[in-house]
PDB file of all heavy atoms in Angstrom:
ATOM      1  N   ARG A   1      -6.380  -0.955 -11.635  1.00  0.00           N
ATOM      2  CA  ARG A   1      -5.555  -1.326 -12.792  1.00  0.00           C
ATOM      3  C   ARG A   1      -6.385  -1.535 -14.063  1.00  0.00           C
ATOM      4  O   ARG A   1      -5.821  -1.717 -15.139  1.00  0.00           O
ATOM      5  CB  ARG A   1      -4.772  -2.617 -12.506  1.00  0.00           C
ATOM      6  CG  ARG A   1      -3.927  -2.584 -11.251  1.00  0.00           C
ATOM      7  CD  ARG A   1      -2.816  -1.580 -11.323  1.00  0.00           C
ATOM      8  NE  ARG A   1      -2.076  -1.529 -10.069  1.00  0.00           N
ATOM      9  CZ  ARG A   1      -1.425  -0.478  -9.616  1.00  0.00           C
ATOM     10  NH1 ARG A   1      -1.415   0.632 -10.316  1.00  0.00           N
ATOM     11  NH2 ARG A   1      -0.798  -0.517  -8.459  1.00  0.00           N
ATOM     12  N   PHE A   2      -7.730  -1.521 -13.925  1.00  0.00           N
ATOM     13  CA  PHE A   2      -8.583  -1.764 -15.088  1.00  0.00           C
ATOM     14  C   PHE A   2      -8.923  -0.459 -15.799  1.00  0.00           C
ATOM     15  O   PHE A   2      -9.046   0.595 -15.176  1.00  0.00           O
ATOM     16  CB  PHE A   2      -9.875  -2.482 -14.678  1.00  0.00           C
ATOM     17  CG  PHE A   2      -9.690  -3.950 -14.407  1.00  0.00           C
ATOM     18  CD1 PHE A   2      -9.264  -4.395 -13.169  1.00  0.00           C
ATOM     19  CD2 PHE A   2      -9.907  -4.884 -15.401  1.00  0.00           C
ATOM     20  CE1 PHE A   2      -9.072  -5.737 -12.911  1.00  0.00           C
ATOM     21  CE2 PHE A   2      -9.719  -6.237 -15.166  1.00  0.00           C
ATOM     22  CZ  PHE A   2      -9.297  -6.658 -13.919  1.00  0.00           C
ATOM     23  N   PHE A   3      -9.088  -0.567 -17.121  1.00  0.00           N
ATOM     24  CA  PHE A   3      -9.421   0.612 -17.919  1.00  0.00           C
ATOM     25  C   PHE A   3     -10.920   0.901 -17.937  1.00  0.00           C
ATOM     26  O   PHE A   3     -11.340   1.980 -18.299  1.00  0.00           O
ATOM     27  CB  PHE A   3      -8.908   0.440 -19.363  1.00  0.00           C
ATOM     28  CG  PHE A   3      -7.407   0.358 -19.440  1.00  0.00           C
ATOM     29  CD1 PHE A   3      -6.775  -0.829 -19.766  1.00  0.00           C
ATOM     30  CD2 PHE A   3      -6.618   1.467 -19.175  1.00  0.00           C
ATOM     31  CE1 PHE A   3      -5.389  -0.913 -19.829  1.00  0.00           C
ATOM     32  CE2 PHE A   3      -5.233   1.400 -19.235  1.00  0.00           C
ATOM     33  CZ  PHE A   3      -4.621   0.206 -19.567  1.00  0.00           C
ATOM     34  N   SER A   4     -11.731  -0.093 -17.547  1.00  0.00           N
ATOM     35  CA  SER A   4     -13.179   0.128 -17.515  1.00  0.00           C
ATOM     36  C   SER A   4     -13.786  -0.571 -16.312  1.00  0.00           C
ATOM     37  O   SER A   4     -13.301  -1.611 -15.865  1.00  0.00           O
ATOM     38  CB  SER A   4     -13.843  -0.386 -18.795  1.00  0.00           C
ATOM     39  OG  SER A   4     -13.945  -1.794 -18.787  1.00  0.00           O
ATOM     40  N   GLU A   5     -14.848   0.010 -15.788  1.00  0.00           N
ATOM     41  CA  GLU A   5     -15.548  -0.563 -14.644  1.00  0.00           C
ATOM     42  C   GLU A   5     -16.158  -1.911 -15.009  1.00  0.00           C
ATOM     43  O   GLU A   5     -16.189  -2.833 -14.194  1.00  0.00           O
ATOM     44  CB  GLU A   5     -16.629   0.407 -14.159  1.00  0.00           C
ATOM     45  CG  GLU A   5     -17.369  -0.034 -12.914  1.00  0.00           C
ATOM     46  CD  GLU A   5     -16.545   0.025 -11.632  1.00  0.00           C
ATOM     47  OE1 GLU A   5     -15.407   0.517 -11.690  1.00  0.00           O
ATOM     48  OE2 GLU A   5     -17.043  -0.412 -10.582  1.00  0.00           O
ATOM     49  N   ASP A   6     -16.652  -2.037 -16.237  1.00  0.00           N
ATOM     50  CA  ASP A   6     -17.278  -3.285 -16.680  1.00  0.00           C
ATOM     51  C   ASP A   6     -16.291  -4.450 -16.632  1.00  0.00           C
ATOM     52  O   ASP A   6     -16.641  -5.565 -16.216  1.00  0.00           O
ATOM     53  CB  ASP A   6     -17.833  -3.141 -18.103  1.00  0.00           C
ATOM     54  CG  ASP A   6     -19.078  -2.264 -18.140  1.00  0.00           C
ATOM     55  OD1 ASP A   6     -19.667  -2.034 -17.066  1.00  0.00           O
ATOM     56  OD2 ASP A   6     -19.449  -1.806 -19.231  1.00  0.00           O
ATOM     57  N   GLU A   7     -15.047  -4.193 -17.064  1.00  0.00           N
ATOM     58  CA  GLU A   7     -14.044  -5.244 -17.041  1.00  0.00           C
ATOM     59  C   GLU A   7     -13.723  -5.661 -15.613  1.00  0.00           C
ATOM     60  O   GLU A   7     -13.553  -6.841 -15.317  1.00  0.00           O
ATOM     61  CB  GLU A   7     -12.756  -4.766 -17.744  1.00  0.00           C
ATOM     62  CG  GLU A   7     -12.787  -4.898 -19.253  1.00  0.00           C
ATOM     63  CD  GLU A   7     -12.904  -6.342 -19.704  1.00  0.00           C
ATOM     64  OE1 GLU A   7     -12.015  -7.151 -19.363  1.00  0.00           O
ATOM     65  OE2 GLU A   7     -13.883  -6.672 -20.389  1.00  0.00           O
ATOM     66  N   TYR A   8     -13.643  -4.675 -14.728  1.00  0.00           N
ATOM     67  CA  TYR A   8     -13.387  -4.985 -13.317  1.00  0.00           C
ATOM     68  C   TYR A   8     -14.512  -5.832 -12.734  1.00  0.00           C
ATOM     69  O   TYR A   8     -14.268  -6.857 -12.084  1.00  0.00           O
ATOM     70  CB  TYR A   8     -13.234  -3.696 -12.504  1.00  0.00           C
ATOM     71  CG  TYR A   8     -13.296  -3.932 -11.000  1.00  0.00           C
ATOM     72  CD1 TYR A   8     -12.247  -4.555 -10.327  1.00  0.00           C
ATOM     73  CD2 TYR A   8     -14.425  -3.565 -10.266  1.00  0.00           C
ATOM     74  CE1 TYR A   8     -12.312  -4.797  -8.967  1.00  0.00           C
ATOM     75  CE2 TYR A   8     -14.502  -3.802  -8.903  1.00  0.00           C
ATOM     76  CZ  TYR A   8     -13.447  -4.418  -8.265  1.00  0.00           C
ATOM     77  OH  TYR A   8     -13.516  -4.663  -6.916  1.00  0.00           O
ATOM     78  N   LEU A   9     -15.755  -5.430 -12.971  1.00  0.00           N
ATOM     79  CA  LEU A   9     -16.901  -6.149 -12.414  1.00  0.00           C
ATOM     80  C   LEU A   9     -16.987  -7.578 -12.957  1.00  0.00           C
ATOM     81  O   LEU A   9     -17.418  -8.492 -12.260  1.00  0.00           O
ATOM     82  CB  LEU A   9     -18.191  -5.385 -12.714  1.00  0.00           C
ATOM     83  CG  LEU A   9     -18.325  -4.033 -12.001  1.00  0.00           C
ATOM     84  CD1 LEU A   9     -19.553  -3.283 -12.511  1.00  0.00           C
ATOM     85  CD2 LEU A   9     -18.393  -4.219 -10.492  1.00  0.00           C
ATOM     86  N   LYS A  10     -16.535  -7.746 -14.183  1.00  0.00           N
ATOM     87  CA  LYS A  10     -16.553  -9.070 -14.815  1.00  0.00           C
ATOM     88  C   LYS A  10     -15.655 -10.057 -14.068  1.00  0.00           C
ATOM     89  O   LYS A  10     -15.961 -11.254 -13.970  1.00  0.00           O
ATOM     90  CB  LYS A  10     -16.096  -8.937 -16.273  1.00  0.00           C
ATOM     91  CG  LYS A  10     -15.983 -10.255 -17.028  1.00  0.00           C
ATOM     92  CD  LYS A  10     -15.481 -10.006 -18.451  1.00  0.00           C
ATOM     93  CE  LYS A  10     -15.225 -11.313 -19.188  1.00  0.00           C
ATOM     94  NZ  LYS A  10     -14.671 -11.067 -20.549  1.00  0.00           N
ATOM     95  N   HIS A  11     -14.564  -9.558 -13.500  1.00  0.00           N
ATOM     96  CA  HIS A  11     -13.560 -10.456 -12.918  1.00  0.00           C
ATOM     97  C   HIS A  11     -13.466 -10.409 -11.403  1.00  0.00           C
ATOM     98  O   HIS A  11     -12.797 -11.256 -10.802  1.00  0.00           O
ATOM     99  CB  HIS A  11     -12.177 -10.125 -13.495  1.00  0.00           C
ATOM    100  CG  HIS A  11     -12.061 -10.356 -14.965  1.00  0.00           C
ATOM    101  ND1 HIS A  11     -12.177 -11.601 -15.525  1.00  0.00           N
ATOM    102  CD2 HIS A  11     -11.854  -9.494 -15.994  1.00  0.00           C
ATOM    103  CE1 HIS A  11     -12.035 -11.504 -16.836  1.00  0.00           C
ATOM    104  NE2 HIS A  11     -11.850 -10.242 -17.145  1.00  0.00           N
ATOM    105  N   LYS A  12     -14.111  -9.455 -10.747  1.00  0.00           N
ATOM    106  CA  LYS A  12     -13.822  -9.195  -9.339  1.00  0.00           C
ATOM    107  C   LYS A  12     -14.134 -10.373  -8.409  1.00  0.00           C
ATOM    108  O   LYS A  12     -13.524 -10.506  -7.355  1.00  0.00           O
ATOM    109  CB  LYS A  12     -14.545  -7.938  -8.858  1.00  0.00           C
ATOM    110  CG  LYS A  12     -16.047  -8.082  -8.651  1.00  0.00           C
ATOM    111  CD  LYS A  12     -16.635  -6.762  -8.184  1.00  0.00           C
ATOM    112  CE  LYS A  12     -18.111  -6.882  -7.865  1.00  0.00           C
ATOM    113  NZ  LYS A  12     -18.366  -7.666  -6.641  1.00  0.00           N
ATOM    114  N   ASP A  13     -15.070 -11.229  -8.804  1.00  0.00           N
ATOM    115  CA  ASP A  13     -15.410 -12.379  -7.964  1.00  0.00           C
ATOM    116  C   ASP A  13     -14.939 -13.702  -8.578  1.00  0.00           C
ATOM    117  O   ASP A  13     -15.489 -14.767  -8.291  1.00  0.00           O
ATOM    118  CB  ASP A  13     -16.926 -12.435  -7.733  1.00  0.00           C
ATOM    119  CG  ASP A  13     -17.430 -11.228  -6.948  1.00  0.00           C
ATOM    120  OD1 ASP A  13     -16.688 -10.742  -6.084  1.00  0.00           O
ATOM    121  OD2 ASP A  13     -18.551 -10.772  -7.214  1.00  0.00           O
ATOM    122  N   ALA A  14     -13.897 -13.613  -9.397  1.00  0.00           N
ATOM    123  CA  ALA A  14     -13.441 -14.797 -10.133  1.00  0.00           C
ATOM    124  C   ALA A  14     -13.011 -15.927  -9.198  1.00  0.00           C
ATOM    125  O   ALA A  14     -13.319 -17.097  -9.437  1.00  0.00           O
ATOM    126  CB  ALA A  14     -12.287 -14.421 -11.067  1.00  0.00           C
ATOM    127  N   PHE A  15     -12.296 -15.590  -8.128  1.00  0.00           N
ATOM    128  CA  PHE A  15     -11.816 -16.611  -7.202  1.00  0.00           C
ATOM    129  C   PHE A  15     -12.004 -16.127  -5.777  1.00  0.00           C
ATOM    130  O   PHE A  15     -11.469 -15.087  -5.392  1.00  0.00           O
ATOM    131  CB  PHE A  15     -10.341 -16.931  -7.454  1.00  0.00           C
ATOM    132  CG  PHE A  15     -10.068 -17.500  -8.809  1.00  0.00           C
ATOM    133  CD1 PHE A  15      -9.582 -16.702  -9.822  1.00  0.00           C
ATOM    134  CD2 PHE A  15     -10.328 -18.840  -9.076  1.00  0.00           C
ATOM    135  CE1 PHE A  15      -9.342 -17.228 -11.083  1.00  0.00           C
ATOM    136  CE2 PHE A  15     -10.094 -19.366 -10.334  1.00  0.00           C
ATOM    137  CZ  PHE A  15      -9.608 -18.563 -11.342  1.00  0.00           C
ATOM    138  N   ILE A  16     -12.762 -16.883  -5.005  1.00  0.00           N
ATOM    139  CA  ILE A  16     -12.981 -16.559  -3.597  1.00  0.00           C
ATOM    140  C   ILE A  16     -12.601 -17.783  -2.770  1.00  0.00           C
ATOM    141  O   ILE A  16     -13.163 -18.869  -2.946  1.00  0.00           O
ATOM    142  CB  ILE A  16     -14.447 -16.158  -3.336  1.00  0.00           C
ATOM    143  CG1 ILE A  16     -14.792 -14.886  -4.130  1.00  0.00           C
ATOM    144  CG2 ILE A  16     -14.678 -15.940  -1.846  1.00  0.00           C
ATOM    145  CD1 ILE A  16     -16.249 -14.462  -4.018  1.00  0.00           C
ATOM    146  N   LEU A  17     -11.642 -17.610  -1.878  1.00  0.00           N
ATOM    147  CA  LEU A  17     -11.196 -18.700  -1.017  1.00  0.00           C
ATOM    148  C   LEU A  17     -12.063 -18.730   0.241  1.00  0.00           C
ATOM    149  O   LEU A  17     -12.160 -17.747   0.964  1.00  0.00           O
ATOM    150  CB  LEU A  17      -9.729 -18.499  -0.625  1.00  0.00           C
ATOM    151  CG  LEU A  17      -9.126 -19.582   0.275  1.00  0.00           C
ATOM    152  CD1 LEU A  17      -9.039 -20.914  -0.458  1.00  0.00           C
ATOM    153  CD2 LEU A  17      -7.742 -19.148   0.772  1.00  0.00           C
ATOM    154  N   ASP A  18     -12.684 -19.882   0.486  1.00  0.00           N
ATOM    155  CA  ASP A  18     -13.470 -20.067   1.710  1.00  0.00           C
ATOM    156  C   ASP A  18     -13.079 -21.390   2.358  1.00  0.00           C
ATOM    157  O   ASP A  18     -12.233 -22.130   1.846  1.00  0.00           O
ATOM    158  CB  ASP A  18     -14.975 -19.999   1.417  1.00  0.00           C
ATOM    159  CG  ASP A  18     -15.419 -21.002   0.358  1.00  0.00           C
ATOM    160  OD1 ASP A  18     -14.772 -22.069   0.234  1.00  0.00           O
ATOM    161  OD2 ASP A  18     -16.409 -20.737  -0.351  1.00  0.00           O
ATOM    162  N   THR A  19     -13.679 -21.693   3.492  1.00  0.00           N
ATOM    163  CA  THR A  19     -13.286 -22.901   4.231  1.00  0.00           C
ATOM    164  C   THR A  19     -13.609 -24.180   3.471  1.00  0.00           C
ATOM    165  O   THR A  19     -12.902 -25.182   3.617  1.00  0.00           O
ATOM    166  CB  THR A  19     -13.959 -22.919   5.614  1.00  0.00           C
ATOM    167  OG1 THR A  19     -15.374 -22.742   5.455  1.00  0.00           O
ATOM    168  CG2 THR A  19     -13.411 -21.804   6.498  1.00  0.00           C
ATOM    169  N   ASP A  20     -14.647 -24.171   2.656  1.00  0.00           N
ATOM    170  CA  ASP A  20     -14.986 -25.365   1.876  1.00  0.00           C
ATOM    171  C   ASP A  20     -13.868 -25.722   0.901  1.00  0.00           C
ATOM    172  O   ASP A  20     -13.533 -26.894   0.722  1.00  0.00           O
ATOM    173  CB  ASP A  20     -16.295 -25.148   1.107  1.00  0.00           C
ATOM    174  CG  ASP A  20     -17.517 -25.284   2.004  1.00  0.00           C
ATOM    175  OD1 ASP A  20     -17.389 -25.865   3.095  1.00  0.00           O
ATOM    176  OD2 ASP A  20     -18.586 -24.785   1.607  1.00  0.00           O
ATOM    177  N   LYS A  21     -13.302 -24.709   0.254  1.00  0.00           N
ATOM    178  CA  LYS A  21     -12.246 -24.954  -0.724  1.00  0.00           C
ATOM    179  C   LYS A  21     -10.966 -25.458  -0.065  1.00  0.00           C
ATOM    180  O   LYS A  21     -10.090 -26.009  -0.732  1.00  0.00           O
ATOM    181  CB  LYS A  21     -11.972 -23.690  -1.535  1.00  0.00           C
ATOM    182  CG  LYS A  21     -13.105 -23.284  -2.472  1.00  0.00           C
ATOM    183  CD  LYS A  21     -12.687 -22.131  -3.370  1.00  0.00           C
ATOM    184  CE  LYS A  21     -13.794 -21.749  -4.349  1.00  0.00           C
ATOM    185  NZ  LYS A  21     -14.916 -21.075  -3.679  1.00  0.00           N
ATOM    186  N   LEU A  22     -10.841 -25.266   1.233  1.00  0.00           N
ATOM    187  CA  LEU A  22      -9.632 -25.695   1.940  1.00  0.00           C
ATOM    188  C   LEU A  22      -9.711 -27.129   2.465  1.00  0.00           C
ATOM    189  O   LEU A  22      -8.739 -27.633   3.032  1.00  0.00           O
ATOM    190  CB  LEU A  22      -9.356 -24.740   3.110  1.00  0.00           C
ATOM    191  CG  LEU A  22      -8.826 -23.357   2.725  1.00  0.00           C
ATOM    192  CD1 LEU A  22      -8.844 -22.428   3.935  1.00  0.00           C
ATOM    193  CD2 LEU A  22      -7.419 -23.448   2.142  1.00  0.00           C
ATOM    194  N   LYS A  23     -10.857 -27.795   2.275  1.00  0.00           N
ATOM    195  CA  LYS A  23     -11.036 -29.139   2.823  1.00  0.00           C
ATOM    196  C   LYS A  23     -10.046 -30.149   2.249  1.00  0.00           C
ATOM    197  O   LYS A  23      -9.674 -31.113   2.916  1.00  0.00           O
ATOM    198  CB  LYS A  23     -12.471 -29.614   2.599  1.00  0.00           C
ATOM    199  CG  LYS A  23     -13.480 -28.908   3.502  1.00  0.00           C
ATOM    200  CD  LYS A  23     -14.896 -29.365   3.226  1.00  0.00           C
ATOM    201  CE  LYS A  23     -15.894 -28.664   4.158  1.00  0.00           C
ATOM    202  NZ  LYS A  23     -17.302 -29.041   3.850  1.00  0.00           N
ATOM    203  N   THR A  24      -9.628 -29.945   1.012  1.00  0.00           N
ATOM    204  CA  THR A  24      -8.687 -30.883   0.382  1.00  0.00           C
ATOM    205  C   THR A  24      -7.239 -30.389   0.444  1.00  0.00           C
ATOM    206  O   THR A  24      -6.345 -31.034  -0.097  1.00  0.00           O
ATOM    207  CB  THR A  24      -9.062 -31.111  -1.095  1.00  0.00           C
ATOM    208  OG1 THR A  24      -9.003 -29.861  -1.791  1.00  0.00           O
ATOM    209  CG2 THR A  24     -10.465 -31.686  -1.211  1.00  0.00           C
ATOM    210  N   ALA A  25      -7.013 -29.268   1.102  1.00  0.00           N
ATOM    211  CA  ALA A  25      -5.672 -28.686   1.161  1.00  0.00           C
ATOM    212  C   ALA A  25      -4.799 -29.433   2.170  1.00  0.00           C
ATOM    213  O   ALA A  25      -5.292 -30.095   3.087  1.00  0.00           O
ATOM    214  CB  ALA A  25      -5.756 -27.214   1.535  1.00  0.00           C
ATOM    215  N   LYS A  26      -3.494 -29.310   2.005  1.00  0.00           N
ATOM    216  CA  LYS A  26      -2.554 -29.921   2.937  1.00  0.00           C
ATOM    217  C   LYS A  26      -2.724 -29.326   4.332  1.00  0.00           C
ATOM    218  O   LYS A  26      -3.061 -28.141   4.479  1.00  0.00           O
ATOM    219  CB  LYS A  26      -1.114 -29.696   2.460  1.00  0.00           C
ATOM    220  CG  LYS A  26      -0.752 -30.451   1.191  1.00  0.00           C
ATOM    221  CD  LYS A  26       0.700 -30.198   0.810  1.00  0.00           C
ATOM    222  CE  LYS A  26       1.084 -30.987  -0.444  1.00  0.00           C
ATOM    223  NZ  LYS A  26       2.496 -30.758  -0.838  1.00  0.00           N
ATOM    224  N   ALA A  27      -2.434 -30.133   5.333  1.00  0.00           N
ATOM    225  CA  ALA A  27      -2.565 -29.670   6.723  1.00  0.00           C
ATOM    226  C   ALA A  27      -1.586 -28.552   7.043  1.00  0.00           C
ATOM    227  O   ALA A  27      -1.841 -27.724   7.921  1.00  0.00           O
ATOM    228  CB  ALA A  27      -2.338 -30.843   7.672  1.00  0.00           C
ATOM    229  N   ASP A  28      -0.469 -28.520   6.316  1.00  0.00           N
ATOM    230  CA  ASP A  28       0.540 -27.488   6.578  1.00  0.00           C
ATOM    231  C   ASP A  28       0.597 -26.444   5.452  1.00  0.00           C
ATOM    232  O   ASP A  28       1.613 -25.763   5.271  1.00  0.00           O
ATOM    233  CB  ASP A  28       1.916 -28.105   6.773  1.00  0.00           C
ATOM    234  CG  ASP A  28       2.434 -28.815   5.522  1.00  0.00           C
ATOM    235  OD1 ASP A  28       1.619 -29.068   4.590  1.00  0.00           O
ATOM    236  OD2 ASP A  28       3.641 -29.114   5.462  1.00  0.00           O
ATOM    237  N   LEU A  29      -0.481 -26.318   4.688  1.00  0.00           N
ATOM    238  CA  LEU A  29      -0.560 -25.267   3.672  1.00  0.00           C
ATOM    239  C   LEU A  29      -0.320 -23.902   4.321  1.00  0.00           C
ATOM    240  O   LEU A  29      -0.777 -23.651   5.443  1.00  0.00           O
ATOM    241  CB  LEU A  29      -1.935 -25.278   3.005  1.00  0.00           C
ATOM    242  CG  LEU A  29      -2.241 -24.127   2.031  1.00  0.00           C
ATOM    243  CD1 LEU A  29      -1.413 -24.252   0.755  1.00  0.00           C
ATOM    244  CD2 LEU A  29      -3.729 -24.083   1.691  1.00  0.00           C
ATOM    245  N   THR A  30       0.387 -23.030   3.628  1.00  0.00           N
ATOM    246  CA  THR A  30       0.556 -21.640   4.076  1.00  0.00           C
ATOM    247  C   THR A  30      -0.261 -20.744   3.152  1.00  0.00           C
ATOM    248  O   THR A  30      -0.003 -20.691   1.944  1.00  0.00           O
ATOM    249  CB  THR A  30       2.040 -21.221   4.034  1.00  0.00           C
ATOM    250  OG1 THR A  30       2.773 -22.036   4.952  1.00  0.00           O
ATOM    251  CG2 THR A  30       2.202 -19.756   4.410  1.00  0.00           C
ATOM    252  N   ILE A  31      -1.251 -20.064   3.722  1.00  0.00           N
ATOM    253  CA  ILE A  31      -2.114 -19.165   2.943  1.00  0.00           C
ATOM    254  C   ILE A  31      -1.604 -17.744   3.113  1.00  0.00           C
ATOM    255  O   ILE A  31      -1.492 -17.239   4.236  1.00  0.00           O
ATOM    256  CB  ILE A  31      -3.584 -19.243   3.403  1.00  0.00           C
ATOM    257  CG1 ILE A  31      -4.086 -20.677   3.349  1.00  0.00           C
ATOM    258  CG2 ILE A  31      -4.459 -18.329   2.542  1.00  0.00           C
ATOM    259  CD1 ILE A  31      -5.415 -20.881   4.064  1.00  0.00           C
ATOM    260  N   MET A  32      -1.311 -17.095   1.978  1.00  0.00           N
ATOM    261  CA  MET A  32      -0.750 -15.751   2.007  1.00  0.00           C
ATOM    262  C   MET A  32      -1.586 -14.788   1.170  1.00  0.00           C
ATOM    263  O   MET A  32      -2.344 -15.215   0.293  1.00  0.00           O
ATOM    264  CB  MET A  32       0.701 -15.783   1.508  1.00  0.00           C
ATOM    265  CG  MET A  32       1.609 -16.657   2.358  1.00  0.00           C
ATOM    266  SD  MET A  32       3.267 -16.902   1.648  1.00  0.00           S
ATOM    267  CE  MET A  32       3.914 -15.234   1.660  1.00  0.00           C
ATOM    268  N   HIS A  33      -1.434 -13.506   1.436  1.00  0.00           N
ATOM    269  CA  HIS A  33      -2.117 -12.451   0.685  1.00  0.00           C
ATOM    270  C   HIS A  33      -1.364 -11.158   0.983  1.00  0.00           C
ATOM    271  O   HIS A  33      -1.111 -10.847   2.145  1.00  0.00           O
ATOM    272  CB  HIS A  33      -3.576 -12.334   1.129  1.00  0.00           C
ATOM    273  CG  HIS A  33      -4.423 -11.473   0.235  1.00  0.00           C
ATOM    274  ND1 HIS A  33      -4.116 -10.161  -0.075  1.00  0.00           N
ATOM    275  CD2 HIS A  33      -5.586 -11.730  -0.411  1.00  0.00           C
ATOM    276  CE1 HIS A  33      -5.037  -9.671  -0.879  1.00  0.00           C
ATOM    277  NE2 HIS A  33      -5.936 -10.589  -1.099  1.00  0.00           N
ATOM    278  N   PRO A  34      -1.002 -10.366  -0.040  1.00  0.00           N
ATOM    279  CA  PRO A  34      -0.257  -9.132   0.216  1.00  0.00           C
ATOM    280  C   PRO A  34      -1.107  -8.041   0.868  1.00  0.00           C
ATOM    281  O   PRO A  34      -0.565  -7.064   1.377  1.00  0.00           O
ATOM    282  CB  PRO A  34       0.225  -8.705  -1.175  1.00  0.00           C
ATOM    283  CG  PRO A  34      -0.779  -9.301  -2.116  1.00  0.00           C
ATOM    284  CD  PRO A  34      -1.171 -10.620  -1.491  1.00  0.00           C
ATOM    285  N   LEU A  35      -2.432  -8.211   0.833  1.00  0.00           N
ATOM    286  CA  LEU A  35      -3.383  -7.253   1.391  1.00  0.00           C
ATOM    287  C   LEU A  35      -3.269  -5.886   0.679  1.00  0.00           C
ATOM    288  O   LEU A  35      -2.230  -5.574   0.127  1.00  0.00           O
ATOM    289  CB  LEU A  35      -3.205  -7.104   2.900  1.00  0.00           C
ATOM    290  CG  LEU A  35      -3.333  -8.402   3.720  1.00  0.00           C
ATOM    291  CD1 LEU A  35      -3.042  -8.120   5.195  1.00  0.00           C
ATOM    292  CD2 LEU A  35      -4.714  -9.026   3.585  1.00  0.00           C
ATOM    293  N   PRO A  36      -4.325  -5.092   0.610  1.00  0.00           N
ATOM    294  CA  PRO A  36      -5.618  -5.321   1.254  1.00  0.00           C
ATOM    295  C   PRO A  36      -6.447  -6.357   0.487  1.00  0.00           C
ATOM    296  O   PRO A  36      -6.280  -6.514  -0.718  1.00  0.00           O
ATOM    297  CB  PRO A  36      -6.285  -3.947   1.182  1.00  0.00           C
ATOM    298  CG  PRO A  36      -5.739  -3.339  -0.077  1.00  0.00           C
ATOM    299  CD  PRO A  36      -4.308  -3.809  -0.149  1.00  0.00           C
ATOM    300  N   ARG A  37      -7.324  -7.023   1.193  1.00  0.00           N
ATOM    301  CA  ARG A  37      -8.262  -7.933   0.533  1.00  0.00           C
ATOM    302  C   ARG A  37      -9.605  -7.214   0.387  1.00  0.00           C
ATOM    303  O   ARG A  37      -9.918  -6.277   1.116  1.00  0.00           O
ATOM    304  CB  ARG A  37      -8.439  -9.217   1.329  1.00  0.00           C
ATOM    305  CG  ARG A  37      -9.159  -9.031   2.658  1.00  0.00           C
ATOM    306  CD  ARG A  37      -9.488 -10.336   3.326  1.00  0.00           C
ATOM    307  NE  ARG A  37      -9.779 -10.124   4.743  1.00  0.00           N
ATOM    308  CZ  ARG A  37      -9.955 -11.100   5.620  1.00  0.00           C
ATOM    309  NH1 ARG A  37      -9.860 -12.355   5.230  1.00  0.00           N
ATOM    310  NH2 ARG A  37     -10.202 -10.835   6.886  1.00  0.00           N
ATOM    311  N   VAL A  38     -10.392  -7.697  -0.535  1.00  0.00           N
ATOM    312  CA  VAL A  38     -11.765  -7.198  -0.692  1.00  0.00           C
ATOM    313  C   VAL A  38     -12.688  -8.329  -0.254  1.00  0.00           C
ATOM    314  O   VAL A  38     -13.146  -8.365   0.879  1.00  0.00           O
ATOM    315  CB  VAL A  38     -12.043  -6.735  -2.128  1.00  0.00           C
ATOM    316  CG1 VAL A  38     -13.469  -6.190  -2.251  1.00  0.00           C
ATOM    317  CG2 VAL A  38     -11.050  -5.638  -2.527  1.00  0.00           C
TER     318      VAL A  38
END
């Protein structure tokens, strides 16, 4: 969806969900993703 590779590279790692970030999440949180993931 990006018009330039530079713009894509600038944002591609903006948000990465890992187990550390989930430590404060609710026990019944539902994590979703339409896939594919990178």
